[in-house]
Each structure stands twice: as C-alpha cells, then as structure tokens.
C-alpha cells in the first residue's frame, strides 16, 4: 500500500474501455482518499498494468475490446490469487455475477452506480486510509 504522510492509502487500477467511466471512477475514488495507480482501456492492457503497477485493488469492466473483463480477471487471479478485483458492469445478470465471483472477484458493482456504492464496495476490501 502507498503511504501519504505516513498514512497507508490503497492504490487502485481502473480498467474500462470508456474514458468517461475511467474519469468518473477516478474522480470518485480520489475524492474519497484512494490513490489511482493507473488506468487501462481493455482486459489485455489491464493485465499488463496489473503486472507493472501491483495495485491494491482493481476495478474491472466486463465488456471490453481485445479481452473482456472476465478473462482478464481469471488471468490476474492466476498471476496473484490474492488480488482484489471488483467487477464493474452494466450487465448485472446473475450469471455474470456468479461467474465473476467464482473466478475470484471480491465484489460486483452494476452501472450506473452512485459514488456511495463504489466506495462501500472498495471499503469492504479495506478503507482508503487503511
């Protein structure tokens, strides 16, 4: 975990193909004390950024070009079984939620979401200033 003034701060990697969604999540998280480790616009680049940045938490969209979030989640869990990934998707079907959890996701947020919802999901993994 990163430290700001001696206080630990969770570093988050945001993976979403929509730039406006990455900006929105980034704004919400930084406003609530999280550090943004980096961003990626598809599952494949998300895996590479995960390896490079070693974030504490990953927010992962499901529907993306090149590699979807579910496949990226599985690969990240192979790299680090202790990875903390929260899936973020407009597709809230029960099967997607189940597949995500079975594959190792620590949570699932359905778009559109409110700031309180995403912060509550991340705090279950550890507060921003843990």
C-alpha atoms as a PDB file:
ATOM      1  CA  UNK A   1       0.000   0.000   0.000  1.00  0.00           C
ATOM      2  CA  UNK A   2       1.193   3.509  -0.760  1.00  0.00           C
ATOM      3  CA  UNK A   3       1.674   5.989   2.070  1.00  0.00           C
ATOM      4  CA  UNK A   4       0.796   9.668   2.132  1.00  0.00           C
ATOM      5  CA  UNK A   5       2.153  11.465   5.175  1.00  0.00           C
ATOM      6  CA  UNK A   6       2.723   8.094   6.838  1.00  0.00           C
ATOM      7  CA  UNK A   7      -0.921   7.064   6.266  1.00  0.00           C
ATOM      8  CA  UNK A   8      -1.457   3.951   4.103  1.00  0.00           C
ATOM      9  CA  UNK A   9      -3.562   4.611   1.009  1.00  0.00           C
ATOM     10  CA  UNK A  10      -4.971   1.897  -1.261  1.00  0.00           C
ATOM     11  CA  UNK A  11      -3.721   2.103  -4.864  1.00  0.00           C
ATOM     12  CA  UNK A  12      -6.404   1.346  -7.464  1.00  0.00           C
ATOM     13  CA  UNK A  13      -6.075   0.282 -11.102  1.00  0.00           C
ATOM     14  CA  UNK A  14      -9.138   1.260 -13.183  1.00  0.00           C
ATOM     15  CA  UNK A  15      -9.847  -0.945 -16.218  1.00  0.00           C
ATOM     16  CA  UNK A  16     -12.688   0.213 -18.503  1.00  0.00           C
ATOM     17  CA  UNK A  17     -12.897   0.827 -22.246  1.00  0.00           C
ATOM     18  CA  UNK A  18     -14.973   4.009 -21.771  1.00  0.00           C
ATOM     19  CA  UNK A  19     -12.766   7.026 -20.997  1.00  0.00           C
ATOM     20  CA  UNK A  20     -15.669   8.868 -19.343  1.00  0.00           C
ATOM     21  CA  UNK A  21     -16.186   5.929 -16.975  1.00  0.00           C
ATOM     22  CA  UNK A  22     -12.495   5.820 -16.043  1.00  0.00           C
ATOM     23  CA  UNK A  23     -12.581   9.567 -15.352  1.00  0.00           C
ATOM     24  CA  UNK A  24     -15.775   9.210 -13.309  1.00  0.00           C
ATOM     25  CA  UNK A  25     -14.395   6.367 -11.171  1.00  0.00           C
ATOM     26  CA  UNK A  26     -11.059   8.160 -10.789  1.00  0.00           C
ATOM     27  CA  UNK A  27     -12.815  11.331  -9.560  1.00  0.00           C
ATOM     28  CA  UNK A  28     -14.950   9.412  -7.057  1.00  0.00           C
ATOM     29  CA  UNK A  29     -12.022   7.427  -5.695  1.00  0.00           C
ATOM     30  CA  UNK A  30      -9.571  10.305  -5.336  1.00  0.00           C
ATOM     31  CA  UNK A  31     -12.258  12.381  -3.623  1.00  0.00           C
ATOM     32  CA  UNK A  32     -12.526   9.542  -1.082  1.00  0.00           C
ATOM     33  CA  UNK A  33      -8.823   9.127  -0.355  1.00  0.00           C
ATOM     34  CA  UNK A  34      -7.801   6.422  -2.837  1.00  0.00           C
ATOM     35  CA  UNK A  35      -4.678   6.731  -4.978  1.00  0.00           C
ATOM     36  CA  UNK A  36      -5.053   5.901  -8.672  1.00  0.00           C
ATOM     37  CA  UNK A  37      -2.196   3.568  -9.607  1.00  0.00           C
ATOM     38  CA  UNK A  38      -3.124   3.649 -13.290  1.00  0.00           C
ATOM     39  CA  UNK A  39      -5.730   3.015 -15.962  1.00  0.00           C
ATOM     40  CA  UNK A  40      -6.259   0.580 -18.828  1.00  0.00           C
ATOM     41  CA  UNK A  41      -8.807   0.522 -21.653  1.00  0.00           C
ATOM     42  CA  UNK A  42      -9.154  -3.249 -22.177  1.00  0.00           C
ATOM     43  CA  UNK A  43      -8.542  -6.519 -20.381  1.00  0.00           C
ATOM     44  CA  UNK A  44      -5.226  -7.248 -22.071  1.00  0.00           C
ATOM     45  CA  UNK A  45      -3.704  -3.882 -21.164  1.00  0.00           C
ATOM     46  CA  UNK A  46      -5.288  -4.230 -17.707  1.00  0.00           C
ATOM     47  CA  UNK A  47      -3.281  -7.401 -17.106  1.00  0.00           C
ATOM     48  CA  UNK A  48      -0.064  -5.674 -18.228  1.00  0.00           C
ATOM     49  CA  UNK A  49      -0.761  -2.659 -15.991  1.00  0.00           C
ATOM     50  CA  UNK A  50      -1.535  -5.033 -13.095  1.00  0.00           C
ATOM     51  CA  UNK A  51       1.873  -6.686 -13.512  1.00  0.00           C
ATOM     52  CA  UNK A  52       3.666  -3.321 -13.780  1.00  0.00           C
ATOM     53  CA  UNK A  53       1.868  -1.416 -11.019  1.00  0.00           C
ATOM     54  CA  UNK A  54       0.962  -4.072  -8.401  1.00  0.00           C
ATOM     55  CA  UNK A  55      -2.192  -2.191  -7.306  1.00  0.00           C
ATOM     56  CA  UNK A  56      -4.004  -2.989  -4.065  1.00  0.00           C
ATOM     57  CA  UNK A  57      -7.405  -3.028  -5.814  1.00  0.00           C
ATOM     58  CA  UNK A  58      -8.578  -3.333  -9.437  1.00  0.00           C
ATOM     59  CA  UNK A  59     -11.929  -2.134 -10.771  1.00  0.00           C
ATOM     60  CA  UNK A  60     -12.681  -4.143 -13.920  1.00  0.00           C
ATOM     61  CA  UNK A  61     -15.343  -3.586 -16.569  1.00  0.00           C
ATOM     62  CA  UNK A  62     -16.665  -6.782 -18.174  1.00  0.00           C
ATOM     63  CA  UNK A  63     -17.483  -5.817 -21.763  1.00  0.00           C
ATOM     64  CA  UNK A  64     -14.313  -4.511 -23.442  1.00  0.00           C
ATOM     65  CA  UNK A  65     -12.492  -4.952 -26.755  1.00  0.00           C
ATOM     66  CA  UNK A  66      -9.468  -7.265 -27.218  1.00  0.00           C
ATOM     67  CA  UNK A  67     -10.074  -9.136 -23.951  1.00  0.00           C
ATOM     68  CA  UNK A  68     -13.163  -8.977 -21.767  1.00  0.00           C
ATOM     69  CA  UNK A  69     -13.006  -8.338 -18.051  1.00  0.00           C
ATOM     70  CA  UNK A  70     -13.936 -11.874 -17.037  1.00  0.00           C
ATOM     71  CA  UNK A  71     -10.978 -13.345 -18.959  1.00  0.00           C
ATOM     72  CA  UNK A  72      -8.706 -10.599 -17.594  1.00  0.00           C
ATOM     73  CA  UNK A  73      -9.934 -11.342 -14.055  1.00  0.00           C
ATOM     74  CA  UNK A  74      -9.066 -15.026 -14.470  1.00  0.00           C
ATOM     75  CA  UNK A  75      -5.564 -14.172 -15.714  1.00  0.00           C
ATOM     76  CA  UNK A  76      -4.976 -11.680 -12.883  1.00  0.00           C
ATOM     77  CA  UNK A  77      -6.050 -14.335 -10.365  1.00  0.00           C
ATOM     78  CA  UNK A  78      -3.547 -16.773 -11.948  1.00  0.00           C
ATOM     79  CA  UNK A  79      -0.821 -14.131 -11.543  1.00  0.00           C
ATOM     80  CA  UNK A  80      -1.816 -13.300  -7.961  1.00  0.00           C
ATOM     81  CA  UNK A  81      -4.527 -15.386  -6.252  1.00  0.00           C
ATOM     82  CA  UNK A  82      -4.747 -12.729  -3.512  1.00  0.00           C
ATOM     83  CA  UNK A  83      -5.599  -9.941  -5.999  1.00  0.00           C
ATOM     84  CA  UNK A  84      -8.573  -7.807  -5.030  1.00  0.00           C
ATOM     85  CA  UNK A  85     -10.702  -7.216  -8.118  1.00  0.00           C
ATOM     86  CA  UNK A  86     -14.151  -5.637  -8.178  1.00  0.00           C
ATOM     87  CA  UNK A  87     -16.135  -6.102 -11.369  1.00  0.00           C
ATOM     88  CA  UNK A  88     -17.978  -3.045 -12.683  1.00  0.00           C
ATOM     89  CA  UNK A  89     -20.503  -3.620 -15.447  1.00  0.00           C
ATOM     90  CA  UNK A  90     -23.829  -2.603 -16.892  1.00  0.00           C
ATOM     91  CA  UNK A  91     -24.562  -6.291 -17.298  1.00  0.00           C
ATOM     92  CA  UNK A  92     -25.957  -7.217 -13.906  1.00  0.00           C
ATOM     93  CA  UNK A  93     -27.242 -10.652 -14.916  1.00  0.00           C
ATOM     94  CA  UNK A  94     -26.968 -13.255 -12.223  1.00  0.00           C
ATOM     95  CA  UNK A  95     -24.743 -15.476 -14.389  1.00  0.00           C
ATOM     96  CA  UNK A  96     -22.165 -12.686 -14.827  1.00  0.00           C
ATOM     97  CA  UNK A  97     -22.111 -12.020 -11.089  1.00  0.00           C
ATOM     98  CA  UNK A  98     -21.766 -15.752 -10.353  1.00  0.00           C
ATOM     99  CA  UNK A  99     -19.007 -16.250 -12.959  1.00  0.00           C
ATOM    100  CA  UNK A 100     -17.126 -13.224 -11.615  1.00  0.00           C
ATOM    101  CA  UNK A 101     -17.276 -14.408  -8.003  1.00  0.00           C
ATOM    102  CA  UNK A 102     -16.344 -17.986  -8.951  1.00  0.00           C
ATOM    103  CA  UNK A 103     -13.385 -16.597 -10.920  1.00  0.00           C
ATOM    104  CA  UNK A 104     -12.130 -14.678  -7.899  1.00  0.00           C
ATOM    105  CA  UNK A 105     -13.784 -11.242  -7.943  1.00  0.00           C
ATOM    106  CA  UNK A 106     -14.222  -9.751  -4.468  1.00  0.00           C
ATOM    107  CA  UNK A 107     -17.317  -7.780  -5.465  1.00  0.00           C
ATOM    108  CA  UNK A 108     -19.601  -6.682  -8.282  1.00  0.00           C
ATOM    109  CA  UNK A 109     -20.934  -3.177  -8.969  1.00  0.00           C
ATOM    110  CA  UNK A 110     -23.695  -2.595 -11.530  1.00  0.00           C
ATOM    111  CA  UNK A 111     -23.614   0.535 -13.718  1.00  0.00           C
ATOM    112  CA  UNK A 112     -24.958   3.104 -13.333  1.00  0.00           C
ATOM    113  CA  UNK A 113     -23.768   3.362  -9.749  1.00  0.00           C
ATOM    114  CA  UNK A 114     -23.657   6.088  -7.156  1.00  0.00           C
ATOM    115  CA  UNK A 115     -20.427   7.214  -5.531  1.00  0.00           C
ATOM    116  CA  UNK A 116     -21.517   5.742  -2.193  1.00  0.00           C
ATOM    117  CA  UNK A 117     -21.953   2.332  -3.841  1.00  0.00           C
ATOM    118  CA  UNK A 118     -18.475   2.099  -5.312  1.00  0.00           C
ATOM    119  CA  UNK A 119     -16.852   3.459  -2.144  1.00  0.00           C
ATOM    120  CA  UNK A 120     -18.773   0.963   0.014  1.00  0.00           C
ATOM    121  CA  UNK A 121     -17.618  -1.898  -2.243  1.00  0.00           C
ATOM    122  CA  UNK A 122     -13.973  -0.803  -2.043  1.00  0.00           C
ATOM    123  CA  UNK A 123     -14.135  -0.266   1.733  1.00  0.00           C
ATOM    124  CA  UNK A 124     -15.103  -3.941   2.138  1.00  0.00           C
ATOM    125  CA  UNK A 125     -11.615  -4.694   0.814  1.00  0.00           C
ATOM    126  CA  UNK A 126     -10.004  -2.127   3.096  1.00  0.00           C
ATOM    127  CA  UNK A 127     -10.615   1.571   3.614  1.00  0.00           C
ATOM    128  CA  UNK A 128      -8.807   4.193   1.564  1.00  0.00           C
ATOM    129  CA  UNK A 129      -6.776   5.130   4.607  1.00  0.00           C
ATOM    130  CA  UNK A 130      -6.350   1.608   5.976  1.00  0.00           C
END
